[in-house]
Amino acid sequence: MWYVCDGCLDVQEYGEPRAAIRIRHRDDRQEFFLNLFEEIGLSPSYGRETIRFGVEETRSFLDWHPTARTRV
C-alpha cells in the first residue's frame, strides 16, 4: 500500500489546474511510483521529491480518482 501524505492542487493564473504529490523519504523509489501512474495512462514528471502533473494530466487524474470531489 502507498500512502500519500502531502500534495496540492494549484490553480494557475488563467485557471489551469496542476496537481503535485510529494514523495519525501521515498526518493529511492521514484521510478516505481511513476510507473504506477503510467499503468493508468498518465505520465507525470518527477523532481525535488515531487511528482507533478500537467494541466491535462491533472484533469485526467481527478477524473480517474474515485474519491476526487473537485472536478476541474
N, C-alpha and C. Protein backbone atom coordinates (compact mmCIF):
# COMPACT_ATOMS: atom_id res chain seq x y z
N MET A 1 0.84 -1.17 0.00
CA MET A 1 0.00 0.00 0.00
C MET A 1 0.89 1.24 0.00
N TRP A 2 0.44 2.25 -0.72
CA TRP A 2 1.18 3.51 -0.79
C TRP A 2 0.30 4.59 -0.19
N TYR A 3 0.81 5.25 0.81
CA TYR A 3 0.06 6.30 1.48
C TYR A 3 0.63 7.65 1.06
N VAL A 4 -0.20 8.48 0.49
CA VAL A 4 0.21 9.82 0.08
C VAL A 4 -0.16 10.77 1.19
N CYS A 5 0.81 11.53 1.67
CA CYS A 5 0.53 12.39 2.81
C CYS A 5 0.58 13.88 2.47
N ASP A 6 1.08 14.26 1.32
CA ASP A 6 1.19 15.67 1.03
C ASP A 6 1.06 15.89 -0.46
N GLY A 7 0.22 16.77 -0.83
CA GLY A 7 0.04 17.11 -2.23
C GLY A 7 -0.74 18.41 -2.33
N CYS A 8 -0.91 18.87 -3.55
CA CYS A 8 -1.67 20.10 -3.72
C CYS A 8 -2.28 20.15 -5.10
N LEU A 9 -3.29 20.96 -5.22
CA LEU A 9 -3.90 21.29 -6.50
C LEU A 9 -3.75 22.79 -6.63
N ASP A 10 -2.90 23.20 -7.54
CA ASP A 10 -2.60 24.62 -7.73
C ASP A 10 -3.32 25.10 -8.98
N VAL A 11 -4.12 26.13 -8.84
CA VAL A 11 -4.79 26.71 -9.99
C VAL A 11 -3.97 27.92 -10.42
N GLN A 12 -3.47 27.84 -11.63
CA GLN A 12 -2.58 28.88 -12.16
C GLN A 12 -3.33 30.16 -12.49
N GLU A 13 -2.60 31.13 -12.97
CA GLU A 13 -3.10 32.46 -13.28
C GLU A 13 -4.35 32.44 -14.17
N TYR A 14 -4.41 31.56 -15.13
CA TYR A 14 -5.53 31.50 -16.06
C TYR A 14 -6.54 30.41 -15.71
N GLY A 15 -6.52 29.95 -14.46
CA GLY A 15 -7.46 28.94 -14.02
C GLY A 15 -7.10 27.52 -14.43
N GLU A 16 -5.85 27.31 -14.82
CA GLU A 16 -5.40 25.98 -15.24
C GLU A 16 -4.90 25.20 -14.02
N PRO A 17 -5.48 24.02 -13.76
CA PRO A 17 -5.08 23.25 -12.58
C PRO A 17 -3.81 22.43 -12.82
N ARG A 18 -3.03 22.30 -11.77
CA ARG A 18 -1.85 21.43 -11.79
C ARG A 18 -1.75 20.76 -10.43
N ALA A 19 -1.64 19.44 -10.45
CA ALA A 19 -1.54 18.67 -9.21
C ALA A 19 -0.08 18.28 -8.96
N ALA A 20 0.25 18.14 -7.69
CA ALA A 20 1.59 17.68 -7.30
C ALA A 20 1.45 16.82 -6.05
N ILE A 21 2.30 15.79 -5.96
CA ILE A 21 2.31 14.89 -4.81
C ILE A 21 3.75 14.74 -4.34
N ARG A 22 3.98 15.02 -3.07
CA ARG A 22 5.32 14.86 -2.50
C ARG A 22 5.56 13.40 -2.14
N ILE A 23 6.76 12.92 -2.41
CA ILE A 23 7.12 11.56 -2.02
C ILE A 23 8.41 11.57 -1.21
N ARG A 24 8.50 12.50 -0.32
CA ARG A 24 9.68 12.63 0.53
C ARG A 24 9.93 11.33 1.30
N HIS A 25 11.15 11.01 1.48
CA HIS A 25 11.60 9.79 2.16
C HIS A 25 11.36 8.54 1.30
N ARG A 26 10.90 8.72 0.08
CA ARG A 26 10.72 7.61 -0.84
C ARG A 26 11.38 7.95 -2.17
N ASP A 27 12.33 8.84 -2.12
CA ASP A 27 13.01 9.30 -3.32
C ASP A 27 13.69 8.17 -4.06
N ASP A 28 14.06 7.12 -3.34
CA ASP A 28 14.74 5.98 -3.96
C ASP A 28 13.80 5.12 -4.80
N ARG A 29 12.50 5.37 -4.71
CA ARG A 29 11.51 4.56 -5.43
C ARG A 29 10.75 5.38 -6.47
N GLN A 30 11.34 6.45 -6.95
CA GLN A 30 10.64 7.34 -7.87
C GLN A 30 10.15 6.62 -9.12
N GLU A 31 10.95 5.74 -9.69
CA GLU A 31 10.52 5.02 -10.90
C GLU A 31 9.32 4.13 -10.62
N PHE A 32 9.31 3.50 -9.47
CA PHE A 32 8.18 2.66 -9.09
C PHE A 32 6.89 3.48 -9.05
N PHE A 33 6.94 4.64 -8.40
CA PHE A 33 5.76 5.49 -8.29
C PHE A 33 5.32 6.03 -9.64
N LEU A 34 6.26 6.45 -10.46
CA LEU A 34 5.91 6.95 -11.79
C LEU A 34 5.27 5.84 -12.63
N ASN A 35 5.76 4.63 -12.50
CA ASN A 35 5.17 3.50 -13.23
C ASN A 35 3.73 3.22 -12.81
N LEU A 36 3.41 3.45 -11.55
CA LEU A 36 2.02 3.26 -11.11
C LEU A 36 1.08 4.18 -11.89
N PHE A 37 1.51 5.41 -12.12
CA PHE A 37 0.68 6.34 -12.88
C PHE A 37 0.64 5.98 -14.36
N GLU A 38 1.75 5.48 -14.87
CA GLU A 38 1.78 5.08 -16.27
C GLU A 38 0.82 3.93 -16.54
N GLU A 39 0.59 3.08 -15.54
CA GLU A 39 -0.35 1.97 -15.69
C GLU A 39 -1.78 2.44 -15.94
N ILE A 40 -2.10 3.66 -15.53
CA ILE A 40 -3.44 4.19 -15.77
C ILE A 40 -3.42 5.27 -16.87
N GLY A 41 -2.33 5.31 -17.63
CA GLY A 41 -2.25 6.20 -18.77
C GLY A 41 -1.78 7.61 -18.51
N LEU A 42 -1.16 7.85 -17.36
CA LEU A 42 -0.64 9.17 -17.04
C LEU A 42 0.89 9.15 -17.06
N SER A 43 1.49 10.28 -17.41
CA SER A 43 2.95 10.37 -17.47
C SER A 43 3.43 11.62 -16.74
N PRO A 44 3.35 11.63 -15.42
CA PRO A 44 3.80 12.80 -14.68
C PRO A 44 5.32 12.92 -14.70
N SER A 45 5.80 14.09 -14.34
CA SER A 45 7.24 14.31 -14.24
C SER A 45 7.64 14.20 -12.77
N TYR A 46 8.95 14.13 -12.54
CA TYR A 46 9.45 14.00 -11.18
C TYR A 46 10.64 14.93 -10.98
N GLY A 47 10.66 15.61 -9.85
CA GLY A 47 11.79 16.45 -9.48
C GLY A 47 11.60 16.99 -8.08
N ARG A 48 12.68 17.13 -7.35
CA ARG A 48 12.67 17.68 -5.99
C ARG A 48 11.67 16.96 -5.08
N GLU A 49 11.72 15.63 -5.11
CA GLU A 49 10.86 14.79 -4.27
C GLU A 49 9.38 14.99 -4.55
N THR A 50 9.03 15.42 -5.76
CA THR A 50 7.64 15.72 -6.08
C THR A 50 7.26 15.15 -7.44
N ILE A 51 6.11 14.49 -7.49
CA ILE A 51 5.52 14.04 -8.74
C ILE A 51 4.59 15.16 -9.19
N ARG A 52 4.78 15.63 -10.43
CA ARG A 52 3.99 16.75 -10.95
C ARG A 52 3.21 16.34 -12.19
N PHE A 53 1.99 16.85 -12.25
CA PHE A 53 1.11 16.59 -13.39
C PHE A 53 0.89 17.88 -14.15
N GLY A 54 0.85 17.78 -15.48
CA GLY A 54 0.49 18.92 -16.30
C GLY A 54 -1.01 19.17 -16.21
N VAL A 55 -1.48 20.18 -16.89
CA VAL A 55 -2.89 20.56 -16.82
C VAL A 55 -3.81 19.42 -17.25
N GLU A 56 -3.60 18.87 -18.42
CA GLU A 56 -4.48 17.80 -18.90
C GLU A 56 -4.35 16.53 -18.06
N GLU A 57 -3.14 16.24 -17.61
CA GLU A 57 -2.96 15.05 -16.76
C GLU A 57 -3.61 15.25 -15.40
N THR A 58 -3.61 16.47 -14.90
CA THR A 58 -4.30 16.75 -13.64
C THR A 58 -5.78 16.47 -13.80
N ARG A 59 -6.37 16.94 -14.87
CA ARG A 59 -7.79 16.69 -15.12
C ARG A 59 -8.06 15.19 -15.24
N SER A 60 -7.21 14.49 -15.97
CA SER A 60 -7.38 13.04 -16.12
C SER A 60 -7.25 12.32 -14.79
N PHE A 61 -6.29 12.74 -13.98
CA PHE A 61 -6.09 12.13 -12.68
C PHE A 61 -7.32 12.34 -11.79
N LEU A 62 -7.86 13.55 -11.77
CA LEU A 62 -9.04 13.82 -10.95
C LEU A 62 -10.26 13.06 -11.45
N ASP A 63 -10.38 12.91 -12.76
CA ASP A 63 -11.48 12.12 -13.31
C ASP A 63 -11.34 10.64 -12.96
N TRP A 64 -10.10 10.15 -12.94
CA TRP A 64 -9.85 8.75 -12.63
C TRP A 64 -10.04 8.44 -11.15
N HIS A 65 -9.57 9.33 -10.28
CA HIS A 65 -9.53 9.08 -8.85
C HIS A 65 -10.97 8.95 -8.29
N PRO A 66 -11.28 7.81 -7.65
CA PRO A 66 -12.64 7.55 -7.21
C PRO A 66 -13.16 8.48 -6.11
N THR A 67 -12.27 9.11 -5.35
CA THR A 67 -12.74 9.96 -4.26
C THR A 67 -12.48 11.44 -4.51
N ALA A 68 -12.07 11.79 -5.71
CA ALA A 68 -11.85 13.21 -6.02
C ALA A 68 -13.19 13.93 -6.00
N ARG A 69 -13.28 14.93 -5.17
CA ARG A 69 -14.53 15.67 -5.06
C ARG A 69 -14.54 16.90 -5.95
N THR A 70 -13.39 17.35 -6.35
CA THR A 70 -13.28 18.55 -7.16
C THR A 70 -13.12 18.15 -8.62
N ARG A 71 -13.94 18.69 -9.45
CA ARG A 71 -13.81 18.48 -10.89
C ARG A 71 -13.41 19.79 -11.51
N VAL A 72 -12.35 19.75 -12.30
CA VAL A 72 -11.83 20.99 -12.90
C VAL A 72 -12.19 21.01 -14.36
